[in-house]
């Protein structure tokens, strides 16, 4: 089953395979009549714990991107050192605009940009910017999956709401997007608590 809102990504990742001409759509209301489709290959994916993909799934998508998409991206005039992801809803940063202004004032507006997401119209220019970004900053959420398109050695700063910490932190093997970041060679810093030094008697 393929969502009609994401089919444009198939053409981008697999430009020579004409996948859209060989996709069977099943969606909307339940299918009342029996439907049969004969395919040469059937791909089944399994959702990992906490909804995060496995290392193999992440590496597969990244490898396809590096092979089929990255060489065709336009080259940005200036690389971005910091990319701040803007998210709407309950997890949005309440001081997003203040943080963006602070970063642009500190590191120059040419080296700091705002990430609004990848759409069919802006896919290639947005991915080109991400591909030359050194640090991705944003609140916890699906938007941080853009880290797949970061260059190796880049960094990730994930802002976590306390509600997510209480709900998921103890059950995940790696905290939130750390597993995905490690699979892509992306650095994710952790804040470590300082140990109290014992006073000598």
N, C-alpha and C. Protein backbone atom coordinates (compact mmCIF):
# COMPACT_ATOMS: atom_id res chain seq x y z
N UNK A 1 0.85 -1.18 0.00
CA UNK A 1 0.00 0.00 0.00
C UNK A 1 0.89 1.24 0.00
N UNK A 2 0.60 2.20 -0.88
CA UNK A 2 1.41 3.41 -0.99
C UNK A 2 0.51 4.62 -0.88
N UNK A 3 0.87 5.56 -0.03
CA UNK A 3 0.10 6.79 0.12
C UNK A 3 0.32 7.68 -1.08
N UNK A 4 -0.76 8.25 -1.61
CA UNK A 4 -0.63 9.12 -2.78
C UNK A 4 0.14 10.40 -2.45
N UNK A 5 0.27 10.75 -1.15
CA UNK A 5 0.99 11.95 -0.77
C UNK A 5 2.50 11.75 -0.76
N UNK A 6 2.95 10.51 -0.81
CA UNK A 6 4.38 10.25 -0.73
C UNK A 6 4.93 9.55 -1.96
N UNK A 7 4.11 9.34 -2.99
CA UNK A 7 4.58 8.61 -4.16
C UNK A 7 5.65 9.36 -4.94
N UNK A 8 5.68 10.70 -4.83
CA UNK A 8 6.71 11.45 -5.53
C UNK A 8 8.11 11.06 -5.07
N UNK A 9 8.22 10.61 -3.82
CA UNK A 9 9.51 10.19 -3.30
C UNK A 9 10.05 8.94 -4.00
N UNK A 10 9.16 8.09 -4.51
CA UNK A 10 9.60 6.89 -5.23
C UNK A 10 10.35 7.27 -6.49
N UNK A 11 9.82 8.25 -7.22
CA UNK A 11 10.49 8.69 -8.44
C UNK A 11 11.83 9.34 -8.13
N UNK A 12 11.94 10.00 -6.99
CA UNK A 12 13.18 10.66 -6.62
C UNK A 12 14.25 9.64 -6.23
N UNK A 13 13.86 8.63 -5.44
CA UNK A 13 14.82 7.63 -4.97
C UNK A 13 15.17 6.61 -6.05
N UNK A 14 14.19 6.30 -6.91
CA UNK A 14 14.41 5.30 -7.96
C UNK A 14 14.05 5.90 -9.31
N UNK A 15 14.85 6.83 -9.83
CA UNK A 15 14.49 7.57 -11.04
C UNK A 15 14.39 6.73 -12.30
N UNK A 16 15.06 5.61 -12.35
CA UNK A 16 15.09 4.82 -13.59
C UNK A 16 14.19 3.58 -13.55
N UNK A 17 13.46 3.39 -12.46
CA UNK A 17 12.69 2.16 -12.31
C UNK A 17 11.22 2.31 -12.68
N UNK A 18 10.72 3.54 -12.86
CA UNK A 18 9.32 3.76 -13.21
C UNK A 18 8.37 3.03 -12.25
N UNK A 19 8.65 3.19 -10.95
CA UNK A 19 7.87 2.46 -9.95
C UNK A 19 6.41 2.87 -9.93
N UNK A 20 6.14 4.14 -10.21
CA UNK A 20 4.75 4.60 -10.14
C UNK A 20 3.87 3.92 -11.17
N UNK A 21 4.47 3.41 -12.22
CA UNK A 21 3.69 2.69 -13.23
C UNK A 21 3.43 1.24 -12.83
N UNK A 22 4.07 0.82 -11.75
CA UNK A 22 3.93 -0.58 -11.34
C UNK A 22 3.48 -0.70 -9.89
N UNK A 23 2.80 0.35 -9.38
CA UNK A 23 2.32 0.35 -8.00
C UNK A 23 0.83 0.07 -7.96
N UNK A 24 0.44 -0.81 -7.04
CA UNK A 24 -0.98 -1.10 -6.84
C UNK A 24 -1.44 -0.33 -5.62
N UNK A 25 -2.46 0.52 -5.78
CA UNK A 25 -2.96 1.35 -4.68
C UNK A 25 -4.15 0.67 -4.01
N UNK A 26 -4.05 0.55 -2.71
CA UNK A 26 -5.17 0.04 -1.92
C UNK A 26 -5.35 1.00 -0.75
N UNK A 27 -6.46 1.69 -0.70
CA UNK A 27 -6.64 2.66 0.37
C UNK A 27 -8.08 3.09 0.49
N UNK A 28 -8.32 4.01 1.42
CA UNK A 28 -9.68 4.50 1.63
C UNK A 28 -10.50 3.49 2.40
N UNK A 29 -11.72 3.24 1.93
CA UNK A 29 -12.61 2.29 2.59
C UNK A 29 -12.15 0.86 2.36
N UNK A 30 -12.57 -0.07 3.21
CA UNK A 30 -12.17 -1.47 3.03
C UNK A 30 -12.59 -2.01 1.66
N UNK A 31 -11.72 -2.85 1.09
CA UNK A 31 -12.02 -3.44 -0.22
C UNK A 31 -13.10 -4.50 -0.06
N UNK A 32 -14.22 -4.31 -0.75
CA UNK A 32 -15.33 -5.25 -0.63
C UNK A 32 -15.14 -6.46 -1.54
N UNK A 33 -14.66 -6.24 -2.75
CA UNK A 33 -14.47 -7.33 -3.69
C UNK A 33 -13.03 -7.85 -3.62
N UNK A 34 -12.89 -9.13 -3.89
CA UNK A 34 -11.55 -9.73 -3.84
C UNK A 34 -10.68 -9.15 -4.94
N UNK A 35 -9.45 -8.78 -4.63
CA UNK A 35 -8.52 -8.21 -5.60
C UNK A 35 -7.24 -9.05 -5.58
N UNK A 36 -6.71 -9.30 -6.75
CA UNK A 36 -5.50 -10.09 -6.87
C UNK A 36 -4.48 -9.32 -7.71
N UNK A 37 -3.23 -9.33 -7.31
CA UNK A 37 -2.18 -8.67 -8.07
C UNK A 37 -0.97 -9.59 -8.12
N UNK A 38 -0.39 -9.74 -9.28
CA UNK A 38 0.78 -10.58 -9.47
C UNK A 38 2.02 -9.69 -9.58
N UNK A 39 2.98 -9.88 -8.72
CA UNK A 39 4.17 -9.05 -8.70
C UNK A 39 5.42 -9.91 -8.77
N UNK A 40 6.48 -9.31 -9.28
CA UNK A 40 7.75 -10.03 -9.35
C UNK A 40 8.45 -10.08 -8.01
N UNK A 41 8.35 -9.00 -7.22
CA UNK A 41 8.95 -8.94 -5.90
C UNK A 41 7.97 -8.31 -4.93
N UNK A 42 7.99 -8.78 -3.71
CA UNK A 42 7.13 -8.24 -2.67
C UNK A 42 7.99 -7.82 -1.49
N UNK A 43 7.91 -6.54 -1.15
CA UNK A 43 8.70 -6.02 -0.04
C UNK A 43 7.80 -5.82 1.16
N UNK A 44 8.18 -6.40 2.28
CA UNK A 44 7.44 -6.23 3.52
C UNK A 44 8.37 -5.60 4.55
N UNK A 45 7.90 -4.57 5.21
CA UNK A 45 8.70 -3.93 6.24
C UNK A 45 8.03 -4.10 7.59
N UNK A 46 8.83 -4.24 8.63
CA UNK A 46 8.32 -4.42 9.97
C UNK A 46 8.71 -3.21 10.81
N UNK A 47 7.78 -2.68 11.57
CA UNK A 47 8.04 -1.54 12.42
C UNK A 47 8.82 -1.99 13.65
N UNK A 48 9.90 -1.28 13.94
CA UNK A 48 10.74 -1.63 15.09
C UNK A 48 10.12 -1.11 16.38
N UNK A 49 10.80 -1.38 17.50
CA UNK A 49 10.31 -0.91 18.79
C UNK A 49 10.14 0.60 18.79
N UNK A 50 9.13 1.08 19.48
CA UNK A 50 8.87 2.52 19.64
C UNK A 50 8.61 3.21 18.32
N UNK A 51 8.39 2.45 17.22
CA UNK A 51 8.14 3.07 15.94
C UNK A 51 9.39 3.47 15.18
N UNK A 52 10.59 3.15 15.73
CA UNK A 52 11.82 3.52 15.06
C UNK A 52 12.24 2.39 14.11
N UNK A 53 12.77 2.75 12.93
CA UNK A 53 13.23 1.71 12.00
C UNK A 53 14.50 1.04 12.51
N UNK A 54 14.77 -0.13 11.97
CA UNK A 54 15.98 -0.86 12.36
C UNK A 54 17.19 -0.23 11.67
N UNK A 55 18.38 -0.62 12.12
CA UNK A 55 19.61 -0.12 11.49
C UNK A 55 19.66 -0.48 10.02
N UNK A 56 19.21 -1.68 9.68
CA UNK A 56 19.24 -2.13 8.29
C UNK A 56 18.32 -1.29 7.42
N UNK A 57 17.13 -0.95 7.93
CA UNK A 57 16.20 -0.13 7.16
C UNK A 57 16.76 1.27 6.92
N UNK A 58 17.36 1.85 7.95
CA UNK A 58 17.93 3.19 7.83
C UNK A 58 19.07 3.18 6.81
N UNK A 59 19.94 2.21 6.93
CA UNK A 59 21.09 2.15 6.02
C UNK A 59 20.66 1.91 4.57
N UNK A 60 19.59 1.14 4.38
CA UNK A 60 19.10 0.89 3.03
C UNK A 60 18.61 2.18 2.38
N UNK A 61 17.80 2.96 3.13
CA UNK A 61 17.29 4.22 2.59
C UNK A 61 18.44 5.20 2.34
N UNK A 62 19.37 5.27 3.27
CA UNK A 62 20.50 6.20 3.12
C UNK A 62 21.38 5.82 1.93
N UNK A 63 21.59 4.53 1.73
CA UNK A 63 22.42 4.08 0.62
C UNK A 63 21.77 4.42 -0.72
N UNK A 64 20.45 4.21 -0.82
CA UNK A 64 19.73 4.56 -2.05
C UNK A 64 19.81 6.06 -2.30
N UNK A 65 19.64 6.85 -1.22
CA UNK A 65 19.73 8.31 -1.35
C UNK A 65 21.11 8.74 -1.82
N UNK A 66 22.16 8.17 -1.22
CA UNK A 66 23.53 8.55 -1.57
C UNK A 66 23.86 8.18 -3.01
N UNK A 67 23.26 7.09 -3.50
CA UNK A 67 23.57 6.61 -4.85
C UNK A 67 22.74 7.31 -5.92
N UNK A 68 21.42 7.45 -5.68
CA UNK A 68 20.52 7.90 -6.73
C UNK A 68 20.12 9.38 -6.65
N UNK A 69 20.19 9.96 -5.46
CA UNK A 69 19.68 11.32 -5.29
C UNK A 69 20.81 12.34 -5.10
N UNK A 70 21.73 12.07 -4.20
CA UNK A 70 22.77 13.04 -3.86
C UNK A 70 23.56 13.54 -5.08
N UNK A 71 23.97 12.67 -6.01
CA UNK A 71 24.72 13.18 -7.17
C UNK A 71 23.92 14.13 -8.06
N UNK A 72 22.59 14.10 -7.98
CA UNK A 72 21.76 14.94 -8.84
C UNK A 72 21.29 16.23 -8.16
N UNK A 73 21.70 16.45 -6.92
CA UNK A 73 21.26 17.64 -6.19
C UNK A 73 22.05 18.87 -6.63
N UNK A 74 21.40 20.04 -6.69
CA UNK A 74 22.14 21.28 -6.98
C UNK A 74 23.09 21.60 -5.85
N UNK A 75 24.16 22.27 -6.16
CA UNK A 75 25.15 22.62 -5.14
C UNK A 75 24.83 23.98 -4.55
N UNK A 76 24.52 24.06 -3.24
CA UNK A 76 24.21 25.35 -2.63
C UNK A 76 25.39 26.31 -2.73
N UNK A 77 25.07 27.60 -2.83
CA UNK A 77 26.14 28.61 -2.90
C UNK A 77 26.98 28.61 -1.64
N UNK A 78 26.32 28.49 -0.49
CA UNK A 78 27.03 28.48 0.77
C UNK A 78 26.51 27.35 1.65
N UNK A 79 27.40 26.56 2.23
CA UNK A 79 26.94 25.50 3.14
C UNK A 79 26.34 26.09 4.41
N UNK A 80 25.41 25.38 5.01
CA UNK A 80 24.80 25.82 6.26
C UNK A 80 25.46 25.10 7.43
N UNK A 81 25.86 25.87 8.42
CA UNK A 81 26.44 25.25 9.60
C UNK A 81 25.36 24.70 10.52
N UNK A 82 24.23 25.42 10.61
CA UNK A 82 23.16 25.01 11.52
C UNK A 82 21.82 25.09 10.79
N UNK A 83 21.01 24.04 10.96
CA UNK A 83 19.67 23.99 10.38
C UNK A 83 18.69 23.77 11.51
N UNK A 84 17.77 24.72 11.70
CA UNK A 84 16.79 24.65 12.80
C UNK A 84 15.45 24.21 12.24
N UNK A 85 14.97 23.06 12.70
CA UNK A 85 13.71 22.51 12.20
C UNK A 85 12.53 23.13 12.94
N UNK A 86 11.56 23.63 12.17
CA UNK A 86 10.37 24.22 12.77
C UNK A 86 9.23 23.22 12.75
N UNK A 87 8.71 22.93 13.92
CA UNK A 87 7.61 21.98 14.07
C UNK A 87 6.40 22.71 14.65
N UNK A 88 5.21 22.32 14.19
CA UNK A 88 3.97 22.87 14.73
C UNK A 88 3.35 21.89 15.71
N UNK A 89 2.40 22.35 16.49
CA UNK A 89 1.71 21.46 17.41
C UNK A 89 2.26 21.54 18.82
N UNK A 90 1.95 20.51 19.61
CA UNK A 90 2.28 20.53 21.03
C UNK A 90 3.78 20.45 21.30
N UNK A 91 4.54 19.87 20.38
CA UNK A 91 5.98 19.74 20.60
C UNK A 91 6.78 20.90 20.02
N UNK A 92 6.13 21.89 19.45
CA UNK A 92 6.84 23.02 18.86
C UNK A 92 7.61 23.79 19.93
N UNK A 93 8.75 24.34 19.54
CA UNK A 93 9.53 25.15 20.47
C UNK A 93 8.80 26.48 20.68
N UNK A 94 8.52 26.80 21.92
CA UNK A 94 7.76 28.02 22.20
C UNK A 94 8.56 29.28 21.85
N UNK A 95 9.87 29.18 21.85
CA UNK A 95 10.72 30.31 21.52
C UNK A 95 11.53 30.04 20.26
N UNK A 96 10.87 29.43 19.28
CA UNK A 96 11.55 29.07 18.04
C UNK A 96 12.15 30.29 17.34
N UNK A 97 11.36 31.33 17.16
CA UNK A 97 11.82 32.51 16.42
C UNK A 97 12.94 33.23 17.17
N UNK A 98 12.86 33.25 18.49
CA UNK A 98 13.92 33.87 19.28
C UNK A 98 15.22 33.08 19.14
N UNK A 99 15.11 31.75 19.14
CA UNK A 99 16.29 30.90 18.99
C UNK A 99 16.89 31.07 17.60
N UNK A 100 16.05 31.15 16.58
CA UNK A 100 16.53 31.33 15.21
C UNK A 100 17.28 32.66 15.08
N UNK A 101 16.71 33.71 15.66
CA UNK A 101 17.35 35.03 15.60
C UNK A 101 18.69 35.02 16.34
N UNK A 102 18.72 34.34 17.49
CA UNK A 102 19.95 34.26 18.27
C UNK A 102 21.04 33.53 17.49
N UNK A 103 20.69 32.42 16.86
CA UNK A 103 21.67 31.65 16.08
C UNK A 103 22.16 32.44 14.88
N UNK A 104 21.25 33.12 14.20
CA UNK A 104 21.64 33.92 13.03
C UNK A 104 22.51 35.10 13.43
N UNK A 105 22.23 35.67 14.60
CA UNK A 105 23.05 36.77 15.07
C UNK A 105 24.43 36.34 15.53
N UNK A 106 24.53 35.09 15.99
CA UNK A 106 25.80 34.57 16.50
C UNK A 106 26.68 34.01 15.39
N UNK A 107 26.05 33.26 14.45
CA UNK A 107 26.82 32.55 13.43
C UNK A 107 26.63 33.11 12.02
N UNK A 108 25.95 34.24 11.86
CA UNK A 108 25.71 34.86 10.57
C UNK A 108 24.50 34.21 9.88
N UNK A 109 23.67 35.05 9.28
CA UNK A 109 22.45 34.57 8.63
C UNK A 109 22.73 33.66 7.45
N UNK A 110 23.91 33.78 6.85
CA UNK A 110 24.23 32.94 5.69
C UNK A 110 24.53 31.50 6.10
N UNK A 111 24.82 31.28 7.37
CA UNK A 111 25.21 29.95 7.82
C UNK A 111 24.15 29.28 8.70
N UNK A 112 23.03 29.95 8.91
CA UNK A 112 21.94 29.39 9.71
C UNK A 112 20.65 29.49 8.90
N UNK A 113 19.91 28.38 8.82
CA UNK A 113 18.67 28.37 8.04
C UNK A 113 17.58 27.64 8.80
N UNK A 114 16.36 27.83 8.35
CA UNK A 114 15.19 27.19 8.96
C UNK A 114 14.71 26.07 8.04
N UNK A 115 14.46 24.90 8.62
CA UNK A 115 13.98 23.75 7.87
C UNK A 115 12.48 23.59 8.10
N UNK A 116 11.71 23.65 7.01
CA UNK A 116 10.26 23.53 7.11
C UNK A 116 9.76 22.17 6.66
N UNK A 117 10.65 21.33 6.17
CA UNK A 117 10.24 20.02 5.68
C UNK A 117 10.56 19.88 4.20
N UNK A 118 10.38 18.67 3.68
CA UNK A 118 10.65 18.36 2.28
C UNK A 118 9.33 18.15 1.55
N UNK A 119 9.08 18.92 0.51
CA UNK A 119 7.86 18.81 -0.29
C UNK A 119 8.25 18.52 -1.74
N UNK A 120 7.30 18.04 -2.55
CA UNK A 120 7.62 17.77 -3.96
C UNK A 120 8.21 18.98 -4.68
N UNK A 121 7.73 20.17 -4.36
CA UNK A 121 8.19 21.37 -5.08
C UNK A 121 9.60 21.79 -4.65
N UNK A 122 9.94 21.57 -3.39
CA UNK A 122 11.23 22.05 -2.88
C UNK A 122 12.19 20.91 -2.54
N UNK A 123 11.87 19.69 -2.96
CA UNK A 123 12.64 18.52 -2.52
C UNK A 123 14.13 18.65 -2.82
N UNK A 124 14.49 18.95 -4.05
CA UNK A 124 15.90 18.93 -4.43
C UNK A 124 16.69 20.07 -3.79
N UNK A 125 16.11 21.26 -3.72
CA UNK A 125 16.83 22.38 -3.09
C UNK A 125 16.96 22.17 -1.58
N UNK A 126 15.90 21.63 -0.95
CA UNK A 126 15.96 21.39 0.50
C UNK A 126 16.96 20.30 0.83
N UNK A 127 16.94 19.20 0.08
CA UNK A 127 17.90 18.12 0.32
C UNK A 127 19.33 18.59 0.05
N UNK A 128 19.50 19.47 -0.91
CA UNK A 128 20.83 20.01 -1.19
C UNK A 128 21.35 20.79 0.01
N UNK A 129 20.47 21.55 0.66
CA UNK A 129 20.86 22.30 1.86
C UNK A 129 21.20 21.36 3.00
N UNK A 130 20.36 20.34 3.21
CA UNK A 130 20.60 19.38 4.30
C UNK A 130 21.92 18.63 4.07
N UNK A 131 22.22 18.33 2.82
CA UNK A 131 23.42 17.54 2.50
C UNK A 131 24.71 18.28 2.83
N UNK A 132 24.63 19.61 3.05
CA UNK A 132 25.82 20.39 3.38
C UNK A 132 25.66 21.10 4.73
N UNK A 133 24.85 20.52 5.60
CA UNK A 133 24.61 21.08 6.93
C UNK A 133 25.44 20.33 7.96
N UNK A 134 26.01 21.07 8.89
CA UNK A 134 26.87 20.46 9.91
C UNK A 134 26.12 20.13 11.20
N UNK A 135 24.99 20.80 11.46
CA UNK A 135 24.26 20.56 12.70
C UNK A 135 22.77 20.74 12.47
N UNK A 136 21.98 19.72 12.81
CA UNK A 136 20.53 19.77 12.72
C UNK A 136 19.97 19.90 14.14
N UNK A 137 19.15 20.92 14.37
CA UNK A 137 18.56 21.18 15.68
C UNK A 137 17.05 21.19 15.55
N UNK A 138 16.35 20.51 16.47
CA UNK A 138 14.90 20.52 16.39
C UNK A 138 14.25 19.74 17.51
N UNK A 139 12.95 19.95 17.69
CA UNK A 139 12.22 19.20 18.72
C UNK A 139 11.98 17.76 18.28
N UNK A 140 11.79 16.89 19.25
CA UNK A 140 11.53 15.48 18.97
C UNK A 140 10.30 15.33 18.07
N UNK A 141 10.41 14.48 17.06
CA UNK A 141 9.30 14.25 16.15
C UNK A 141 9.80 13.69 14.82
N UNK A 142 8.86 13.34 13.95
CA UNK A 142 9.20 12.71 12.68
C UNK A 142 10.09 13.58 11.81
N UNK A 143 10.06 14.90 12.02
CA UNK A 143 10.89 15.79 11.21
C UNK A 143 12.37 15.54 11.35
N UNK A 144 12.79 14.94 12.46
CA UNK A 144 14.21 14.67 12.66
C UNK A 144 14.70 13.50 11.81
N UNK A 145 13.79 12.82 11.12
CA UNK A 145 14.24 11.77 10.19
C UNK A 145 15.03 12.38 9.03
N UNK A 146 15.00 13.71 8.88
CA UNK A 146 15.83 14.37 7.87
C UNK A 146 17.31 14.13 8.12
N UNK A 147 17.65 13.65 9.31
CA UNK A 147 19.06 13.39 9.60
C UNK A 147 19.64 12.34 8.65
N UNK A 148 18.78 11.54 8.03
CA UNK A 148 19.25 10.54 7.06
C UNK A 148 20.00 11.20 5.91
N UNK A 149 19.65 12.46 5.61
CA UNK A 149 20.24 13.17 4.48
C UNK A 149 21.43 14.05 4.88
N UNK A 150 21.81 14.05 6.16
CA UNK A 150 22.96 14.82 6.61
C UNK A 150 24.26 14.15 6.15
N UNK A 151 25.32 14.92 5.99
CA UNK A 151 26.61 14.29 5.66
C UNK A 151 27.17 13.55 6.86
N UNK A 152 27.97 12.55 6.61
CA UNK A 152 28.58 11.79 7.69
C UNK A 152 29.44 12.72 8.54
N UNK A 153 29.35 12.55 9.86
CA UNK A 153 30.11 13.37 10.77
C UNK A 153 29.37 14.60 11.26
N UNK A 154 28.17 14.86 10.71
CA UNK A 154 27.37 15.99 11.16
C UNK A 154 26.82 15.71 12.55
N UNK A 155 26.19 16.72 13.17
CA UNK A 155 25.68 16.57 14.52
C UNK A 155 24.17 16.75 14.58
N UNK A 156 23.58 16.24 15.64
CA UNK A 156 22.14 16.35 15.86
C UNK A 156 21.87 16.78 17.29
N UNK A 157 21.02 17.80 17.45
CA UNK A 157 20.55 18.23 18.77
C UNK A 157 19.05 18.03 18.80
N UNK A 158 18.60 17.11 19.65
CA UNK A 158 17.19 16.77 19.74
C UNK A 158 16.62 17.33 21.04
N UNK A 159 15.61 18.20 20.92
CA UNK A 159 14.98 18.80 22.08
C UNK A 159 13.82 17.92 22.52
N UNK A 160 13.91 17.39 23.73
CA UNK A 160 12.93 16.41 24.20
C UNK A 160 11.94 17.02 25.19
N UNK A 161 10.64 16.83 24.95
CA UNK A 161 9.64 17.26 25.94
C UNK A 161 9.61 16.28 27.10
N UNK A 162 9.28 16.77 28.27
CA UNK A 162 9.27 15.91 29.46
C UNK A 162 8.26 14.78 29.34
N UNK A 163 7.17 15.00 28.61
CA UNK A 163 6.17 13.94 28.46
C UNK A 163 6.74 12.75 27.72
N UNK A 164 7.57 13.00 26.71
CA UNK A 164 8.19 11.89 25.96
C UNK A 164 9.21 11.18 26.82
N UNK A 165 9.93 11.93 27.61
CA UNK A 165 10.93 11.31 28.48
C UNK A 165 10.29 10.32 29.43
N UNK A 166 9.18 10.72 30.02
CA UNK A 166 8.50 9.83 30.97
C UNK A 166 7.92 8.60 30.29
N UNK A 167 7.44 8.78 29.06
CA UNK A 167 6.72 7.70 28.40
C UNK A 167 7.63 6.67 27.74
N UNK A 168 8.74 7.14 27.12
CA UNK A 168 9.52 6.24 26.28
C UNK A 168 10.95 5.97 26.74
N UNK A 169 11.53 6.86 27.52
CA UNK A 169 12.97 6.78 27.77
C UNK A 169 13.41 5.44 28.33
N UNK A 170 12.63 4.85 29.22
CA UNK A 170 13.06 3.61 29.86
C UNK A 170 12.88 2.36 28.97
N UNK A 171 12.06 2.48 27.92
CA UNK A 171 11.74 1.29 27.12
C UNK A 171 12.57 1.18 25.85
N UNK A 172 13.28 2.23 25.45
CA UNK A 172 14.03 2.21 24.20
C UNK A 172 15.48 1.80 24.43
N UNK A 173 16.01 1.03 23.49
CA UNK A 173 17.41 0.61 23.57
C UNK A 173 18.32 1.84 23.48
N UNK A 174 18.03 2.72 22.54
CA UNK A 174 18.72 4.00 22.43
C UNK A 174 17.68 5.09 22.58
N UNK A 175 18.06 6.22 23.17
CA UNK A 175 17.10 7.27 23.43
C UNK A 175 16.69 7.94 22.12
N UNK A 176 15.43 7.75 21.74
CA UNK A 176 14.81 8.45 20.63
C UNK A 176 15.60 8.29 19.33
N UNK A 177 16.13 9.38 18.75
CA UNK A 177 16.75 9.30 17.43
C UNK A 177 18.22 8.92 17.47
N UNK A 178 18.70 8.49 18.62
CA UNK A 178 20.11 8.12 18.72
C UNK A 178 20.42 6.91 17.84
N UNK A 179 19.52 5.94 17.80
CA UNK A 179 19.76 4.73 16.99
C UNK A 179 19.88 5.09 15.52
N UNK A 180 18.96 5.93 15.03
CA UNK A 180 19.00 6.33 13.62
C UNK A 180 20.26 7.15 13.33
N UNK A 181 20.62 8.03 14.26
CA UNK A 181 21.81 8.86 14.06
C UNK A 181 23.06 7.99 13.98
N UNK A 182 23.17 7.00 14.84
CA UNK A 182 24.34 6.12 14.82
C UNK A 182 24.43 5.35 13.52
N UNK A 183 23.29 4.94 12.99
CA UNK A 183 23.29 4.18 11.73
C UNK A 183 23.78 5.02 10.57
N UNK A 184 23.61 6.35 10.68
CA UNK A 184 24.00 7.26 9.59
C UNK A 184 25.36 7.90 9.82
N UNK A 185 26.02 7.57 10.92
CA UNK A 185 27.30 8.20 11.23
C UNK A 185 27.14 9.62 11.71
N UNK A 186 25.98 9.93 12.32
CA UNK A 186 25.70 11.27 12.83
C UNK A 186 25.97 11.30 14.33
N UNK A 187 26.55 12.39 14.81
CA UNK A 187 26.88 12.53 16.23
C UNK A 187 25.69 13.12 16.97
N UNK A 188 25.33 12.49 18.10
CA UNK A 188 24.28 13.03 18.96
C UNK A 188 24.84 13.14 20.37
N UNK A 189 24.92 14.35 20.84
CA UNK A 189 25.53 14.58 22.15
C UNK A 189 24.55 14.33 23.27
N UNK A 190 25.06 13.81 24.36
CA UNK A 190 24.26 13.59 25.57
C UNK A 190 24.81 14.45 26.70
N UNK A 191 23.92 14.94 27.53
CA UNK A 191 24.34 15.69 28.70
C UNK A 191 24.60 14.70 29.83
N UNK A 192 25.80 14.70 30.33
CA UNK A 192 26.15 13.79 31.41
C UNK A 192 26.15 14.53 32.74
N UNK A 193 25.66 13.86 33.74
CA UNK A 193 25.65 14.46 35.07
C UNK A 193 27.06 14.40 35.66
N UNK A 194 27.47 15.49 36.26
CA UNK A 194 28.78 15.54 36.88
C UNK A 194 28.77 14.83 38.23
N UNK A 195 29.77 14.01 38.43
CA UNK A 195 29.86 13.30 39.71
C UNK A 195 30.44 14.23 40.77
N UNK A 196 29.87 14.13 41.95
CA UNK A 196 30.33 14.96 43.04
C UNK A 196 31.64 14.39 43.59
N UNK A 197 32.60 15.29 43.76
CA UNK A 197 33.88 14.85 44.29
C UNK A 197 33.79 14.69 45.81
N UNK A 198 34.37 13.62 46.30
CA UNK A 198 34.35 13.36 47.75
C UNK A 198 35.40 14.26 48.42
N UNK A 199 34.98 14.86 49.49
CA UNK A 199 35.89 15.71 50.24
C UNK A 199 36.89 14.88 51.02
N UNK A 200 38.13 15.33 50.90
CA UNK A 200 39.17 14.62 51.64
C UNK A 200 39.14 15.02 53.12
N UNK A 201 39.26 14.02 53.95
CA UNK A 201 39.23 14.29 55.40
C UNK A 201 40.60 14.76 55.88
